[in-house]
Amino acid sequence: MHLIATVHVLGPTGSSAAALCRGLKAKVDARLWTAIPPAHEVRPGDLVVRGLQPLLGRATLCLIPGDTPISPQWLDIASQPGVQVLSASSRRLGDMLATELLRLVQGPSGRRVADLVLNAEPALRFVQPLVEALCQDPWSIRRPRDLALQSRAPLDAVRRQCAELGFNRIEHFIICVRLLAYTELVATEHLPLRTARALAGFGDPSNMRRHARRAALRSPMVGRALLQSARH
């Protein structure tokens, strides 16, 4: 079971921050803090929401400038990786801001993830149903027969289609799609790394890269996906 990021909302009890936290709790793990949370309470990949007070290095920092532009001294921080500027004014801070935060935590739909993968590697459109099945429910597909079951295709047909694309094994195809999904979720959707890995269907990046390097020796498309993922 994979872990979804926690949203840490900083603000006084009874404030709009507290109301935002209550609204988020129905859908994600959200915690209200009246002071900056200690480092051990913030896991890598978490989101921290607090005006313009950063907690860089461990979490995705969400800056909320409100109706005023970001001060020049904050522009350097706002442009750093892992920082999101949420463009919600004080008049629409509620539902719209919650929607933006939920996108960062939960990520896009499986269909959107599949579209990202197919745009990144158009050759995979030949097996689009397989890509969509893998992106719709990545954690239920661990073996070739799982992919055949989810895509409602005979295992021999799945094996043949993967081979026609140059994949030596169905497992190599699965690895390739996961790597492409992860890369695009980080590069295009700007999701936290942990959320991107969860949506791609893997938790341990070191283990994934180890399997991908072996697969790349026999399936060239995995090598291309591995090269792209190494940049993120």
Protein backbone atom coordinates (compact mmCIF):
# COMPACT_ATOMS: atom_id res chain seq x y z
CA MET A 1 0.00 0.00 0.00
CA HIS A 2 1.54 3.32 -1.04
CA LEU A 3 1.50 6.46 1.07
CA ILE A 4 -0.01 9.70 -0.20
CA ALA A 5 1.58 12.98 0.85
CA THR A 6 0.30 14.85 3.90
CA VAL A 7 -0.82 18.49 3.63
CA HIS A 8 0.55 20.54 6.54
CA VAL A 9 -1.43 23.78 6.92
CA LEU A 10 0.14 26.48 9.11
CA GLY A 11 -2.09 29.07 10.77
CA PRO A 12 -3.92 29.96 13.98
CA THR A 13 -6.96 28.04 15.18
CA GLY A 14 -10.13 29.63 13.86
CA SER A 15 -8.39 31.17 10.85
CA SER A 16 -9.04 30.59 7.15
CA ALA A 17 -6.10 28.17 7.25
CA ALA A 18 -7.96 26.07 9.83
CA ALA A 19 -11.08 26.11 7.64
CA LEU A 20 -9.01 25.00 4.66
CA CYS A 21 -7.52 22.16 6.71
CA ARG A 22 -10.97 20.96 7.76
CA GLY A 23 -12.10 20.96 4.14
CA LEU A 24 -9.11 18.92 3.04
CA LYS A 25 -9.40 16.29 5.77
CA ALA A 26 -12.40 14.69 4.11
CA LYS A 27 -10.25 13.76 1.11
CA VAL A 28 -6.57 13.62 2.15
CA ASP A 29 -4.37 13.48 5.23
CA ALA A 30 -4.26 17.11 6.41
CA ARG A 31 -2.84 18.55 9.65
CA LEU A 32 -3.17 22.04 11.11
CA TRP A 33 -0.12 23.59 12.80
CA THR A 34 -0.02 26.85 14.72
CA ALA A 35 3.78 26.94 14.38
CA ILE A 36 6.22 25.53 11.84
CA PRO A 37 6.14 21.73 12.28
CA PRO A 38 9.30 19.98 13.46
CA ALA A 39 11.34 18.36 10.70
CA HIS A 40 10.61 14.80 11.87
CA GLU A 41 6.87 15.37 11.34
CA VAL A 42 7.34 16.32 7.68
CA ARG A 43 8.06 13.45 5.31
CA PRO A 44 9.77 13.87 1.96
CA GLY A 45 7.14 14.76 -0.62
CA ASP A 46 4.68 16.37 1.84
CA LEU A 47 3.02 19.71 1.12
CA VAL A 48 3.38 22.70 3.45
CA VAL A 49 0.92 25.58 3.10
CA ARG A 50 1.89 28.81 4.85
CA GLY A 51 1.70 32.28 3.32
CA LEU A 52 5.28 33.10 2.45
CA GLN A 53 7.16 31.28 5.21
CA PRO A 54 9.17 28.45 3.63
CA LEU A 55 10.10 25.04 4.87
CA LEU A 56 12.40 24.04 2.04
CA GLY A 57 14.35 20.84 1.61
CA ARG A 58 11.79 18.23 2.71
CA ALA A 59 8.37 19.29 1.49
CA THR A 60 6.71 20.90 -1.50
CA LEU A 61 6.26 24.52 -0.45
CA CYS A 62 3.02 26.22 -1.50
CA LEU A 63 3.15 30.03 -1.49
CA ILE A 64 -0.12 31.94 -1.33
CA PRO A 65 0.50 35.60 -2.22
CA GLY A 66 -3.21 36.45 -2.14
CA ASP A 67 -4.12 39.77 -3.77
CA THR A 68 -0.59 41.18 -3.62
CA PRO A 69 2.35 40.37 -5.92
CA ILE A 70 5.26 38.37 -4.56
CA SER A 71 7.93 40.62 -3.11
CA PRO A 72 11.18 40.69 -5.13
CA GLN A 73 13.13 39.04 -2.30
CA TRP A 74 10.84 36.01 -2.56
CA LEU A 75 11.11 35.57 -6.34
CA ASP A 76 14.25 33.45 -6.04
CA ILE A 77 12.53 31.08 -3.61
CA ALA A 78 9.39 30.95 -5.77
CA SER A 79 11.44 29.81 -8.77
CA GLN A 80 13.16 26.94 -6.95
CA PRO A 81 12.22 23.28 -7.56
CA GLY A 82 9.61 22.03 -5.12
CA VAL A 83 7.93 25.44 -4.74
CA GLN A 84 4.40 26.05 -6.01
CA VAL A 85 2.81 29.51 -6.20
CA LEU A 86 -0.97 29.16 -5.87
CA SER A 87 -2.66 32.05 -7.63
CA ALA A 88 -5.77 32.29 -5.50
CA SER A 89 -6.97 35.70 -4.36
CA SER A 90 -8.48 36.22 -0.93
CA ARG A 91 -11.93 36.38 -2.53
CA ARG A 92 -11.68 32.82 -3.87
CA LEU A 93 -9.35 31.23 -1.35
CA GLY A 94 -11.66 28.39 -0.32
CA ASP A 95 -12.73 25.81 -2.89
CA MET A 96 -10.32 26.91 -5.63
CA LEU A 97 -7.27 26.71 -3.40
CA ALA A 98 -8.41 23.36 -2.03
CA THR A 99 -8.74 22.10 -5.62
CA GLU A 100 -5.19 23.16 -6.44
CA LEU A 101 -3.85 21.44 -3.32
CA LEU A 102 -5.76 18.24 -4.04
CA ARG A 103 -4.23 18.17 -7.53
CA LEU A 104 -0.76 18.37 -5.99
CA VAL A 105 -1.49 15.59 -3.49
CA GLN A 106 -3.67 13.23 -5.50
CA GLY A 107 -2.40 13.97 -8.97
CA PRO A 108 -4.27 13.67 -12.27
CA SER A 109 -6.54 10.85 -13.36
CA GLY A 110 -5.26 7.60 -14.82
CA ARG A 111 -6.49 8.69 -18.24
CA ARG A 112 -4.47 11.89 -18.00
CA VAL A 113 -1.38 9.91 -16.95
CA ALA A 114 -1.83 7.63 -19.97
CA ASP A 115 -2.08 10.66 -22.26
CA LEU A 116 1.18 12.01 -20.82
CA VAL A 117 2.91 8.67 -21.47
CA LEU A 118 1.62 8.42 -25.04
CA ASN A 119 2.64 11.99 -25.82
CA ALA A 120 6.13 11.33 -24.45
CA GLU A 121 6.56 8.09 -26.44
CA PRO A 122 4.21 8.07 -29.48
CA ALA A 123 5.34 4.56 -30.48
CA LEU A 124 3.32 3.24 -27.54
CA ARG A 125 0.06 4.28 -29.23
CA PHE A 126 0.26 0.88 -30.94
CA VAL A 127 -0.55 -0.62 -27.54
CA GLN A 128 -2.66 2.22 -26.15
CA PRO A 129 -5.14 -0.11 -24.34
CA LEU A 130 -2.22 -1.65 -22.45
CA VAL A 131 -0.86 1.77 -21.49
CA GLU A 132 -4.27 2.92 -20.30
CA ALA A 133 -4.83 -0.23 -18.26
CA LEU A 134 -1.47 0.18 -16.55
CA CYS A 135 -2.02 3.88 -15.80
CA GLN A 136 -5.59 3.45 -14.56
CA ASP A 137 -4.65 0.96 -11.83
CA PRO A 138 -0.84 0.74 -11.60
CA TRP A 139 -0.64 -0.92 -8.19
CA SER A 140 -2.80 -3.89 -9.19
CA ILE A 141 -0.53 -4.74 -12.13
CA ARG A 142 2.65 -6.41 -10.90
CA ARG A 143 2.97 -9.33 -13.36
CA PRO A 144 2.24 -9.94 -17.06
CA ARG A 145 -0.96 -11.86 -16.31
CA ASP A 146 -2.22 -8.85 -14.28
CA LEU A 147 -1.78 -6.62 -17.33
CA ALA A 148 -3.59 -9.15 -19.54
CA LEU A 149 -6.45 -9.34 -17.05
CA GLN A 150 -6.81 -5.55 -16.68
CA SER A 151 -6.64 -4.94 -20.43
CA ARG A 152 -8.98 -7.88 -21.17
CA ALA A 153 -6.56 -9.34 -23.70
CA PRO A 154 -5.09 -12.85 -23.97
CA LEU A 155 -1.64 -13.09 -22.43
CA ASP A 156 -0.17 -14.33 -25.73
CA ALA A 157 -1.57 -11.29 -27.52
CA VAL A 158 -0.06 -8.94 -24.94
CA ARG A 159 3.29 -10.69 -25.26
CA ARG A 160 3.18 -10.47 -29.07
CA GLN A 161 2.28 -6.76 -29.08
CA CYS A 162 5.08 -5.93 -26.66
CA ALA A 163 7.55 -7.92 -28.74
CA GLU A 164 6.55 -6.05 -31.90
CA LEU A 165 7.54 -2.81 -30.14
CA GLY A 166 10.93 -4.23 -29.23
CA PHE A 167 10.26 -5.27 -25.65
CA ASN A 168 12.02 -8.52 -24.82
CA ARG A 169 9.56 -9.20 -22.00
CA ILE A 170 6.19 -7.84 -20.89
CA GLU A 171 7.84 -6.80 -17.63
CA HIS A 172 10.11 -4.49 -19.62
CA PHE A 173 7.04 -2.80 -21.12
CA ILE A 174 5.60 -2.29 -17.63
CA ILE A 175 8.85 -0.75 -16.40
CA CYS A 176 8.99 1.57 -19.41
CA VAL A 177 5.46 2.88 -18.88
CA ARG A 178 6.09 3.43 -15.17
CA LEU A 179 9.27 5.41 -15.85
CA LEU A 180 7.60 7.56 -18.50
CA ALA A 181 4.61 8.20 -16.23
CA TYR A 182 6.86 9.23 -13.35
CA THR A 183 8.96 11.53 -15.54
CA GLU A 184 5.97 13.28 -17.09
CA LEU A 185 4.15 13.71 -13.77
CA VAL A 186 7.21 15.50 -12.37
CA ALA A 187 8.14 17.48 -15.49
CA THR A 188 4.68 18.35 -16.83
CA GLU A 189 2.33 18.18 -13.84
CA HIS A 190 4.97 19.40 -11.33
CA LEU A 191 3.93 16.85 -8.72
CA PRO A 192 6.00 16.00 -5.64
CA LEU A 193 8.34 13.09 -6.33
CA ARG A 194 6.63 10.75 -3.88
CA THR A 195 3.18 11.44 -5.35
CA ALA A 196 4.53 10.92 -8.88
CA ARG A 197 6.05 7.57 -7.88
CA ALA A 198 2.79 6.48 -6.24
CA LEU A 199 0.78 7.32 -9.36
CA ALA A 200 3.31 5.54 -11.57
CA GLY A 201 3.08 2.40 -9.45
CA PHE A 202 6.39 2.12 -7.64
CA GLY A 203 7.73 3.18 -4.26
CA ASP A 204 11.46 2.45 -4.20
CA PRO A 205 13.27 4.51 -6.87
CA SER A 206 16.58 2.67 -6.38
CA ASN A 207 14.95 -0.70 -6.95
CA MET A 208 13.08 0.59 -9.99
CA ARG A 209 16.25 1.96 -11.57
CA ARG A 210 18.07 -1.29 -10.91
CA HIS A 211 15.39 -3.28 -12.74
CA ALA A 212 15.22 -0.64 -15.50
CA ARG A 213 18.97 -0.78 -16.14
CA ARG A 214 18.78 -4.54 -16.59
CA ALA A 215 15.74 -4.26 -18.85
CA ALA A 216 17.41 -1.56 -20.96
CA LEU A 217 20.09 -4.03 -22.02
CA ARG A 218 17.48 -6.02 -23.97
CA SER A 219 14.67 -3.51 -24.60
CA PRO A 220 15.91 -0.20 -26.12
CA MET A 221 12.77 1.81 -25.33
CA VAL A 222 13.38 1.22 -21.62
CA GLY A 223 16.81 2.79 -22.08
CA ARG A 224 15.25 5.94 -23.52
CA ALA A 225 12.72 6.13 -20.68
CA LEU A 226 15.49 5.60 -18.12
CA LEU A 227 17.53 8.43 -19.64
CA GLN A 228 14.56 10.80 -19.40
CA SER A 229 13.76 9.84 -15.81
CA ALA A 230 17.38 10.40 -14.74
CA ARG A 231 16.89 14.13 -15.32
CA HIS A 232 14.27 14.31 -12.54
